[in-house]
Amino acid sequence: MSAYNNLEIKDKDEVLKNGYAMTFGERDSEMASISVPIFRKKNQILGALTVAGHISNFNKKNCISFLNILRSSRVKIEKNLIQIK
């Protein structure tokens, strides 16, 4: 996620504040995505978890569900990463 790599992006402050990014038709008018960062250590970003698909699948209810699933998955992944040296 570009916001965590000190790159200039649109809505960077909002992404950092909320801890996730959502896009709707940004790169392709028919695609949407939601992403959450994965950290190896407190400030060391490793990557991101993303759900992407056709924009019609990203209504408000689904976006909330996708975000909750991504956040809970992130917690599990980061806990397992702590054990890896």
PDB file of N, CA and C in Angstrom:
ATOM      1  N   MET A   1       0.841  -1.172   0.000  1.00  0.00           N
ATOM      2  CA  MET A   1       0.000   0.000   0.000  1.00  0.00           C
ATOM      3  C   MET A   1       0.888   1.238   0.000  1.00  0.00           C
ATOM      4  N   SER A   2       0.708   2.010  -1.001  1.00  0.00           N
ATOM      5  CA  SER A   2       1.566   3.175  -1.240  1.00  0.00           C
ATOM      6  C   SER A   2       1.578   4.180  -0.100  1.00  0.00           C
ATOM      7  N   ALA A   3       0.474   4.331   0.597  1.00  0.00           N
ATOM      8  CA  ALA A   3       0.401   5.315   1.694  1.00  0.00           C
ATOM      9  C   ALA A   3       1.414   5.013   2.787  1.00  0.00           C
ATOM     10  N   TYR A   4       1.731   3.749   2.980  1.00  0.00           N
ATOM     11  CA  TYR A   4       2.654   3.345   4.042  1.00  0.00           C
ATOM     12  C   TYR A   4       4.104   3.342   3.581  1.00  0.00           C
ATOM     13  N   ASN A   5       4.339   3.591   2.307  1.00  0.00           N
ATOM     14  CA  ASN A   5       5.690   3.639   1.770  1.00  0.00           C
ATOM     15  C   ASN A   5       6.117   5.062   1.440  1.00  0.00           C
ATOM     16  N   ASN A   6       5.478   6.016   2.090  1.00  0.00           N
ATOM     17  CA  ASN A   6       5.842   7.424   1.974  1.00  0.00           C
ATOM     18  C   ASN A   6       5.751   7.952   0.545  1.00  0.00           C
ATOM     19  N   LEU A   7       4.821   7.410  -0.241  1.00  0.00           N
ATOM     20  CA  LEU A   7       4.600   7.882  -1.599  1.00  0.00           C
ATOM     21  C   LEU A   7       3.444   8.865  -1.615  1.00  0.00           C
ATOM     22  N   GLU A   8       3.481   9.786  -2.545  1.00  0.00           N
ATOM     23  CA  GLU A   8       2.399  10.759  -2.686  1.00  0.00           C
ATOM     24  C   GLU A   8       1.221  10.094  -3.397  1.00  0.00           C
ATOM     25  N   ILE A   9       0.113   9.954  -2.688  1.00  0.00           N
ATOM     26  CA  ILE A   9      -1.091   9.386  -3.287  1.00  0.00           C
ATOM     27  C   ILE A   9      -2.297  10.205  -2.855  1.00  0.00           C
ATOM     28  N   LYS A  10      -3.355  10.066  -3.625  1.00  0.00           N
ATOM     29  CA  LYS A  10      -4.620  10.719  -3.299  1.00  0.00           C
ATOM     30  C   LYS A  10      -5.165  10.114  -2.010  1.00  0.00           C
ATOM     31  N   ASP A  11      -5.679  10.938  -1.125  1.00  0.00           N
ATOM     32  CA  ASP A  11      -6.303  10.504   0.132  1.00  0.00           C
ATOM     33  C   ASP A  11      -5.339   9.786   1.088  1.00  0.00           C
ATOM     34  N   LYS A  12      -4.045  10.096   1.005  1.00  0.00           N
ATOM     35  CA  LYS A  12      -3.048   9.426   1.843  1.00  0.00           C
ATOM     36  C   LYS A  12      -3.362   9.566   3.329  1.00  0.00           C
ATOM     37  N   ASP A  13      -3.685  10.778   3.775  1.00  0.00           N
ATOM     38  CA  ASP A  13      -3.964  10.993   5.194  1.00  0.00           C
ATOM     39  C   ASP A  13      -5.169  10.178   5.649  1.00  0.00           C
ATOM     40  N   GLU A  14      -6.171  10.077   4.803  1.00  0.00           N
ATOM     41  CA  GLU A  14      -7.368   9.303   5.136  1.00  0.00           C
ATOM     42  C   GLU A  14      -7.050   7.811   5.233  1.00  0.00           C
ATOM     43  N   VAL A  15      -6.244   7.312   4.319  1.00  0.00           N
ATOM     44  CA  VAL A  15      -5.841   5.900   4.348  1.00  0.00           C
ATOM     45  C   VAL A  15      -5.069   5.606   5.627  1.00  0.00           C
ATOM     46  N   LEU A  16      -4.121   6.455   5.972  1.00  0.00           N
ATOM     47  CA  LEU A  16      -3.320   6.244   7.186  1.00  0.00           C
ATOM     48  C   LEU A  16      -4.186   6.329   8.442  1.00  0.00           C
ATOM     49  N   LYS A  17      -5.125   7.251   8.462  1.00  0.00           N
ATOM     50  CA  LYS A  17      -6.009   7.410   9.620  1.00  0.00           C
ATOM     51  C   LYS A  17      -6.937   6.207   9.782  1.00  0.00           C
ATOM     52  N   ASN A  18      -7.526   5.749   8.671  1.00  0.00           N
ATOM     53  CA  ASN A  18      -8.507   4.661   8.728  1.00  0.00           C
ATOM     54  C   ASN A  18      -7.877   3.272   8.761  1.00  0.00           C
ATOM     55  N   GLY A  19      -6.676   3.138   8.222  1.00  0.00           N
ATOM     56  CA  GLY A  19      -6.007   1.841   8.208  1.00  0.00           C
ATOM     57  C   GLY A  19      -6.460   0.937   7.076  1.00  0.00           C
ATOM     58  N   TYR A  20      -7.101   1.498   6.066  1.00  0.00           N
ATOM     59  CA  TYR A  20      -7.498   0.723   4.896  1.00  0.00           C
ATOM     60  C   TYR A  20      -7.682   1.668   3.719  1.00  0.00           C
ATOM     61  N   ALA A  21      -7.738   1.059   2.520  1.00  0.00           N
ATOM     62  CA  ALA A  21      -7.980   1.842   1.308  1.00  0.00           C
ATOM     63  C   ALA A  21      -9.104   1.187   0.517  1.00  0.00           C
ATOM     64  N   MET A  22      -9.968   2.000  -0.057  1.00  0.00           N
ATOM     65  CA  MET A  22     -11.032   1.529  -0.943  1.00  0.00           C
ATOM     66  C   MET A  22     -10.928   2.288  -2.253  1.00  0.00           C
ATOM     67  N   THR A  23     -11.094   1.582  -3.345  1.00  0.00           N
ATOM     68  CA  THR A  23     -11.132   2.229  -4.651  1.00  0.00           C
ATOM     69  C   THR A  23     -12.363   1.750  -5.408  1.00  0.00           C
ATOM     70  N   PHE A  24     -12.953   2.658  -6.143  1.00  0.00           N
ATOM     71  CA  PHE A  24     -14.141   2.365  -6.939  1.00  0.00           C
ATOM     72  C   PHE A  24     -13.944   2.957  -8.323  1.00  0.00           C
ATOM     73  N   GLY A  25     -13.570   2.105  -9.270  1.00  0.00           N
ATOM     74  CA  GLY A  25     -13.397   2.555 -10.637  1.00  0.00           C
ATOM     75  C   GLY A  25     -12.192   3.442 -10.876  1.00  0.00           C
ATOM     76  N   GLU A  26     -11.228   3.417  -9.980  1.00  0.00           N
ATOM     77  CA  GLU A  26     -10.064   4.303 -10.101  1.00  0.00           C
ATOM     78  C   GLU A  26      -9.182   3.961 -11.301  1.00  0.00           C
ATOM     79  N   ARG A  27      -8.846   2.709 -11.462  1.00  0.00           N
ATOM     80  CA  ARG A  27      -7.986   2.291 -12.578  1.00  0.00           C
ATOM     81  C   ARG A  27      -8.794   1.678 -13.722  1.00  0.00           C
ATOM     82  N   ASP A  28      -9.897   1.045 -13.374  1.00  0.00           N
ATOM     83  CA  ASP A  28     -10.799   0.433 -14.351  1.00  0.00           C
ATOM     84  C   ASP A  28     -12.213   0.761 -13.888  1.00  0.00           C
ATOM     85  N   SER A  29     -13.017   1.324 -14.732  1.00  0.00           N
ATOM     86  CA  SER A  29     -14.345   1.803 -14.327  1.00  0.00           C
ATOM     87  C   SER A  29     -15.263   0.702 -13.816  1.00  0.00           C
ATOM     88  N   GLU A  30     -14.932  -0.544 -14.066  1.00  0.00           N
ATOM     89  CA  GLU A  30     -15.782  -1.653 -13.626  1.00  0.00           C
ATOM     90  C   GLU A  30     -15.218  -2.426 -12.437  1.00  0.00           C
ATOM     91  N   MET A  31     -14.106  -1.959 -11.874  1.00  0.00           N
ATOM     92  CA  MET A  31     -13.463  -2.676 -10.775  1.00  0.00           C
ATOM     93  C   MET A  31     -13.440  -1.844  -9.498  1.00  0.00           C
ATOM     94  N   ALA A  32     -13.480  -2.547  -8.373  1.00  0.00           N
ATOM     95  CA  ALA A  32     -13.370  -1.918  -7.053  1.00  0.00           C
ATOM     96  C   ALA A  32     -12.475  -2.807  -6.197  1.00  0.00           C
ATOM     97  N   SER A  33     -11.940  -2.228  -5.116  1.00  0.00           N
ATOM     98  CA  SER A  33     -11.109  -3.025  -4.209  1.00  0.00           C
ATOM     99  C   SER A  33     -11.083  -2.403  -2.821  1.00  0.00           C
ATOM    100  N   ILE A  34     -10.779  -3.257  -1.856  1.00  0.00           N
ATOM    101  CA  ILE A  34     -10.552  -2.840  -0.473  1.00  0.00           C
ATOM    102  C   ILE A  34      -9.266  -3.523  -0.024  1.00  0.00           C
ATOM    103  N   SER A  35      -8.368  -2.768   0.600  1.00  0.00           N
ATOM    104  CA  SER A  35      -7.080  -3.313   1.043  1.00  0.00           C
ATOM    105  C   SER A  35      -6.764  -2.887   2.467  1.00  0.00           C
ATOM    106  N   VAL A  36      -6.118  -3.785   3.198  1.00  0.00           N
ATOM    107  CA  VAL A  36      -5.590  -3.466   4.527  1.00  0.00           C
ATOM    108  C   VAL A  36      -4.110  -3.843   4.530  1.00  0.00           C
ATOM    109  N   PRO A  37      -3.289  -3.076   5.231  1.00  0.00           N
ATOM    110  CA  PRO A  37      -1.852  -3.375   5.264  1.00  0.00           C
ATOM    111  C   PRO A  37      -1.543  -4.551   6.186  1.00  0.00           C
ATOM    112  N   ILE A  38      -0.459  -5.238   5.870  1.00  0.00           N
ATOM    113  CA  ILE A  38       0.095  -6.293   6.728  1.00  0.00           C
ATOM    114  C   ILE A  38       1.454  -5.795   7.200  1.00  0.00           C
ATOM    115  N   PHE A  39       1.639  -5.765   8.507  1.00  0.00           N
ATOM    116  CA  PHE A  39       2.902  -5.312   9.076  1.00  0.00           C
ATOM    117  C   PHE A  39       3.657  -6.484   9.679  1.00  0.00           C
ATOM    118  N   ARG A  40       4.947  -6.524   9.419  1.00  0.00           N
ATOM    119  CA  ARG A  40       5.798  -7.542  10.039  1.00  0.00           C
ATOM    120  C   ARG A  40       6.174  -7.102  11.449  1.00  0.00           C
ATOM    121  N   LYS A  41       6.537  -5.849  11.581  1.00  0.00           N
ATOM    122  CA  LYS A  41       6.799  -5.232  12.871  1.00  0.00           C
ATOM    123  C   LYS A  41       5.961  -3.973  12.921  1.00  0.00           C
ATOM    124  N   LYS A  42       6.035  -3.244  13.993  1.00  0.00           N
ATOM    125  CA  LYS A  42       5.154  -2.086  14.181  1.00  0.00           C
ATOM    126  C   LYS A  42       5.086  -1.170  12.962  1.00  0.00           C
ATOM    127  N   ASN A  43       6.202  -0.778  12.425  1.00  0.00           N
ATOM    128  CA  ASN A  43       6.199   0.160  11.300  1.00  0.00           C
ATOM    129  C   ASN A  43       6.803  -0.417  10.028  1.00  0.00           C
ATOM    130  N   GLN A  44       6.945  -1.737   9.949  1.00  0.00           N
ATOM    131  CA  GLN A  44       7.537  -2.362   8.766  1.00  0.00           C
ATOM    132  C   GLN A  44       6.443  -3.044   7.951  1.00  0.00           C
ATOM    133  N   ILE A  45       6.024  -2.384   6.866  1.00  0.00           N
ATOM    134  CA  ILE A  45       4.961  -2.964   6.045  1.00  0.00           C
ATOM    135  C   ILE A  45       5.510  -4.108   5.212  1.00  0.00           C
ATOM    136  N   LEU A  46       4.770  -5.203   5.208  1.00  0.00           N
ATOM    137  CA  LEU A  46       5.165  -6.387   4.464  1.00  0.00           C
ATOM    138  C   LEU A  46       4.379  -6.482   3.155  1.00  0.00           C
ATOM    139  N   GLY A  47       3.139  -6.078   3.189  1.00  0.00           N
ATOM    140  CA  GLY A  47       2.284  -6.172   2.004  1.00  0.00           C
ATOM    141  C   GLY A  47       0.865  -5.772   2.363  1.00  0.00           C
ATOM    142  N   ALA A  48      -0.088  -6.306   1.629  1.00  0.00           N
ATOM    143  CA  ALA A  48      -1.483  -5.962   1.873  1.00  0.00           C
ATOM    144  C   ALA A  48      -2.383  -7.144   1.536  1.00  0.00           C
ATOM    145  N   LEU A  49      -3.514  -7.181   2.197  1.00  0.00           N
ATOM    146  CA  LEU A  49      -4.592  -8.106   1.840  1.00  0.00           C
ATOM    147  C   LEU A  49      -5.623  -7.298   1.082  1.00  0.00           C
ATOM    148  N   THR A  50      -6.113  -7.845  -0.013  1.00  0.00           N
ATOM    149  CA  THR A  50      -7.045  -7.108  -0.860  1.00  0.00           C
ATOM    150  C   THR A  50      -8.175  -7.995  -1.341  1.00  0.00           C
ATOM    151  N   VAL A  51      -9.361  -7.425  -1.371  1.00  0.00           N
ATOM    152  CA  VAL A  51     -10.493  -8.020  -2.069  1.00  0.00           C
ATOM    153  C   VAL A  51     -10.763  -7.106  -3.249  1.00  0.00           C
ATOM    154  N   ALA A  52     -10.777  -7.681  -4.444  1.00  0.00           N
ATOM    155  CA  ALA A  52     -11.028  -6.896  -5.654  1.00  0.00           C
ATOM    156  C   ALA A  52     -12.037  -7.637  -6.515  1.00  0.00           C
ATOM    157  N   GLY A  53     -12.844  -6.868  -7.224  1.00  0.00           N
ATOM    158  CA  GLY A  53     -13.816  -7.490  -8.102  1.00  0.00           C
ATOM    159  C   GLY A  53     -14.654  -6.469  -8.824  1.00  0.00           C
ATOM    160  N   HIS A  54     -15.710  -6.963  -9.444  1.00  0.00           N
ATOM    161  CA  HIS A  54     -16.593  -6.082 -10.200  1.00  0.00           C
ATOM    162  C   HIS A  54     -17.247  -5.083  -9.252  1.00  0.00           C
ATOM    163  N   ILE A  55     -17.315  -3.850  -9.680  1.00  0.00           N
ATOM    164  CA  ILE A  55     -17.806  -2.758  -8.846  1.00  0.00           C
ATOM    165  C   ILE A  55     -19.231  -3.005  -8.339  1.00  0.00           C
ATOM    166  N   SER A  56     -20.017  -3.762  -9.079  1.00  0.00           N
ATOM    167  CA  SER A  56     -21.403  -4.039  -8.661  1.00  0.00           C
ATOM    168  C   SER A  56     -21.478  -4.872  -7.387  1.00  0.00           C
ATOM    169  N   ASN A  57     -20.411  -5.564  -7.042  1.00  0.00           N
ATOM    170  CA  ASN A  57     -20.375  -6.375  -5.818  1.00  0.00           C
ATOM    171  C   ASN A  57     -19.985  -5.575  -4.581  1.00  0.00           C
ATOM    172  N   PHE A  58     -19.668  -4.304  -4.760  1.00  0.00           N
ATOM    173  CA  PHE A  58     -19.162  -3.486  -3.669  1.00  0.00           C
ATOM    174  C   PHE A  58     -20.192  -2.470  -3.192  1.00  0.00           C
ATOM    175  N   ASN A  59     -21.347  -2.975  -2.762  1.00  0.00           N
ATOM    176  CA  ASN A  59     -22.329  -2.083  -2.136  1.00  0.00           C
ATOM    177  C   ASN A  59     -21.903  -1.837  -0.692  1.00  0.00           C
ATOM    178  N   LYS A  60     -22.593  -0.958   0.009  1.00  0.00           N
ATOM    179  CA  LYS A  60     -22.185  -0.577   1.369  1.00  0.00           C
ATOM    180  C   LYS A  60     -22.119  -1.782   2.308  1.00  0.00           C
ATOM    181  N   LYS A  61     -23.124  -2.647   2.273  1.00  0.00           N
ATOM    182  CA  LYS A  61     -23.155  -3.821   3.155  1.00  0.00           C
ATOM    183  C   LYS A  61     -21.973  -4.746   2.870  1.00  0.00           C
ATOM    184  N   ASN A  62     -21.717  -5.019   1.592  1.00  0.00           N
ATOM    185  CA  ASN A  62     -20.602  -5.895   1.246  1.00  0.00           C
ATOM    186  C   ASN A  62     -19.257  -5.272   1.616  1.00  0.00           C
ATOM    187  N   CYS A  63     -19.123  -3.971   1.417  1.00  0.00           N
ATOM    188  CA  CYS A  63     -17.856  -3.307   1.766  1.00  0.00           C
ATOM    189  C   CYS A  63     -17.554  -3.448   3.252  1.00  0.00           C
ATOM    190  N   ILE A  64     -18.564  -3.304   4.078  1.00  0.00           N
ATOM    191  CA  ILE A  64     -18.374  -3.471   5.530  1.00  0.00           C
ATOM    192  C   ILE A  64     -17.969  -4.903   5.836  1.00  0.00           C
ATOM    193  N   SER A  65     -18.630  -5.865   5.218  1.00  0.00           N
ATOM    194  CA  SER A  65     -18.288  -7.281   5.427  1.00  0.00           C
ATOM    195  C   SER A  65     -16.874  -7.584   4.962  1.00  0.00           C
ATOM    196  N   PHE A  66     -16.533  -7.128   3.746  1.00  0.00           N
ATOM    197  CA  PHE A  66     -15.185  -7.360   3.222  1.00  0.00           C
ATOM    198  C   PHE A  66     -14.132  -6.762   4.159  1.00  0.00           C
ATOM    199  N   LEU A  67     -14.369  -5.545   4.617  1.00  0.00           N
ATOM    200  CA  LEU A  67     -13.407  -4.878   5.494  1.00  0.00           C
ATOM    201  C   LEU A  67     -13.243  -5.631   6.806  1.00  0.00           C
ATOM    202  N   ASN A  68     -14.329  -6.095   7.393  1.00  0.00           N
ATOM    203  CA  ASN A  68     -14.248  -6.868   8.642  1.00  0.00           C
ATOM    204  C   ASN A  68     -13.470  -8.165   8.448  1.00  0.00           C
ATOM    205  N   ILE A  69     -13.700  -8.842   7.339  1.00  0.00           N
ATOM    206  CA  ILE A  69     -12.976 -10.088   7.052  1.00  0.00           C
ATOM    207  C   ILE A  69     -11.491  -9.806   6.853  1.00  0.00           C
ATOM    208  N   LEU A  70     -11.174  -8.766   6.108  1.00  0.00           N
ATOM    209  CA  LEU A  70      -9.768  -8.413   5.881  1.00  0.00           C
ATOM    210  C   LEU A  70      -9.067  -8.054   7.183  1.00  0.00           C
ATOM    211  N   ARG A  71      -9.733  -7.284   8.021  1.00  0.00           N
ATOM    212  CA  ARG A  71      -9.116  -6.884   9.301  1.00  0.00           C
ATOM    213  C   ARG A  71      -8.875  -8.086  10.209  1.00  0.00           C
ATOM    214  N   SER A  72      -9.836  -8.990  10.317  1.00  0.00           N
ATOM    215  CA  SER A  72      -9.640 -10.162  11.187  1.00  0.00           C
ATOM    216  C   SER A  72      -8.572 -11.090  10.610  1.00  0.00           C
ATOM    217  N   SER A  73      -8.508 -11.196   9.303  1.00  0.00           N
ATOM    218  CA  SER A  73      -7.459 -12.006   8.675  1.00  0.00           C
ATOM    219  C   SER A  73      -6.090 -11.394   8.895  1.00  0.00           C
ATOM    220  N   ARG A  74      -6.013 -10.072   8.822  1.00  0.00           N
ATOM    221  CA  ARG A  74      -4.744  -9.382   9.060  1.00  0.00           C
ATOM    222  C   ARG A  74      -4.218  -9.687  10.462  1.00  0.00           C
ATOM    223  N   VAL A  75      -5.084  -9.651  11.452  1.00  0.00           N
ATOM    224  CA  VAL A  75      -4.669  -9.921  12.833  1.00  0.00           C
ATOM    225  C   VAL A  75      -4.078 -11.321  12.937  1.00  0.00           C
ATOM    226  N   LYS A  76      -4.730 -12.302  12.331  1.00  0.00           N
ATOM    227  CA  LYS A  76      -4.236 -13.683  12.376  1.00  0.00           C
ATOM    228  C   LYS A  76      -2.886 -13.809  11.674  1.00  0.00           C
ATOM    229  N   ILE A  77      -2.755 -13.188  10.536  1.00  0.00           N
ATOM    230  CA  ILE A  77      -1.495 -13.253   9.780  1.00  0.00           C
ATOM    231  C   ILE A  77      -0.368 -12.593  10.565  1.00  0.00           C
ATOM    232  N   GLU A  78      -0.620 -11.406  11.101  1.00  0.00           N
ATOM    233  CA  GLU A  78       0.436 -10.696  11.837  1.00  0.00           C
ATOM    234  C   GLU A  78       0.851 -11.462  13.090  1.00  0.00           C
ATOM    235  N   LYS A  79      -0.078 -12.131  13.752  1.00  0.00           N
ATOM    236  CA  LYS A  79       0.290 -12.950  14.915  1.00  0.00           C
ATOM    237  C   LYS A  79       1.212 -14.087  14.508  1.00  0.00           C
ATOM    238  N   ASN A  80       0.936 -14.700  13.369  1.00  0.00           N
ATOM    239  CA  ASN A  80       1.802 -15.781  12.879  1.00  0.00           C
ATOM    240  C   ASN A  80       3.145 -15.277  12.400  1.00  0.00           C
ATOM    241  N   LEU A  81       3.191 -14.065  11.877  1.00  0.00           N
ATOM    242  CA  LEU A  81       4.459 -13.498  11.409  1.00  0.00           C
ATOM    243  C   LEU A  81       5.424 -13.238  12.560  1.00  0.00           C
ATOM    244  N   ILE A  82       4.891 -12.941  13.727  1.00  0.00           N
ATOM    245  CA  ILE A  82       5.736 -12.700  14.902  1.00  0.00           C
ATOM    246  C   ILE A  82       6.600 -13.925  15.200  1.00  0.00           C
ATOM    247  N   GLN A  83       6.062 -15.108  14.930  1.00  0.00           N
ATOM    248  CA  GLN A  83       6.769 -16.355  15.219  1.00  0.00           C
ATOM    249  C   GLN A  83       7.859 -16.664  14.197  1.00  0.00           C
ATOM    250  N   ILE A  84       7.804 -16.028  13.028  1.00  0.00           N
ATOM    251  CA  ILE A  84       8.781 -16.256  11.980  1.00  0.00           C
ATOM    252  C   ILE A  84       9.935 -15.270  12.145  1.00  0.00           C
ATOM    253  N   LYS A  85      11.141 -15.772  12.141  1.00  0.00           N
ATOM    254  CA  LYS A  85      12.293 -14.892  12.306  1.00  0.00           C
ATOM    255  C   LYS A  85      13.041 -14.727  11.039  1.00  0.00           C
TER     256      LYS A  85
END
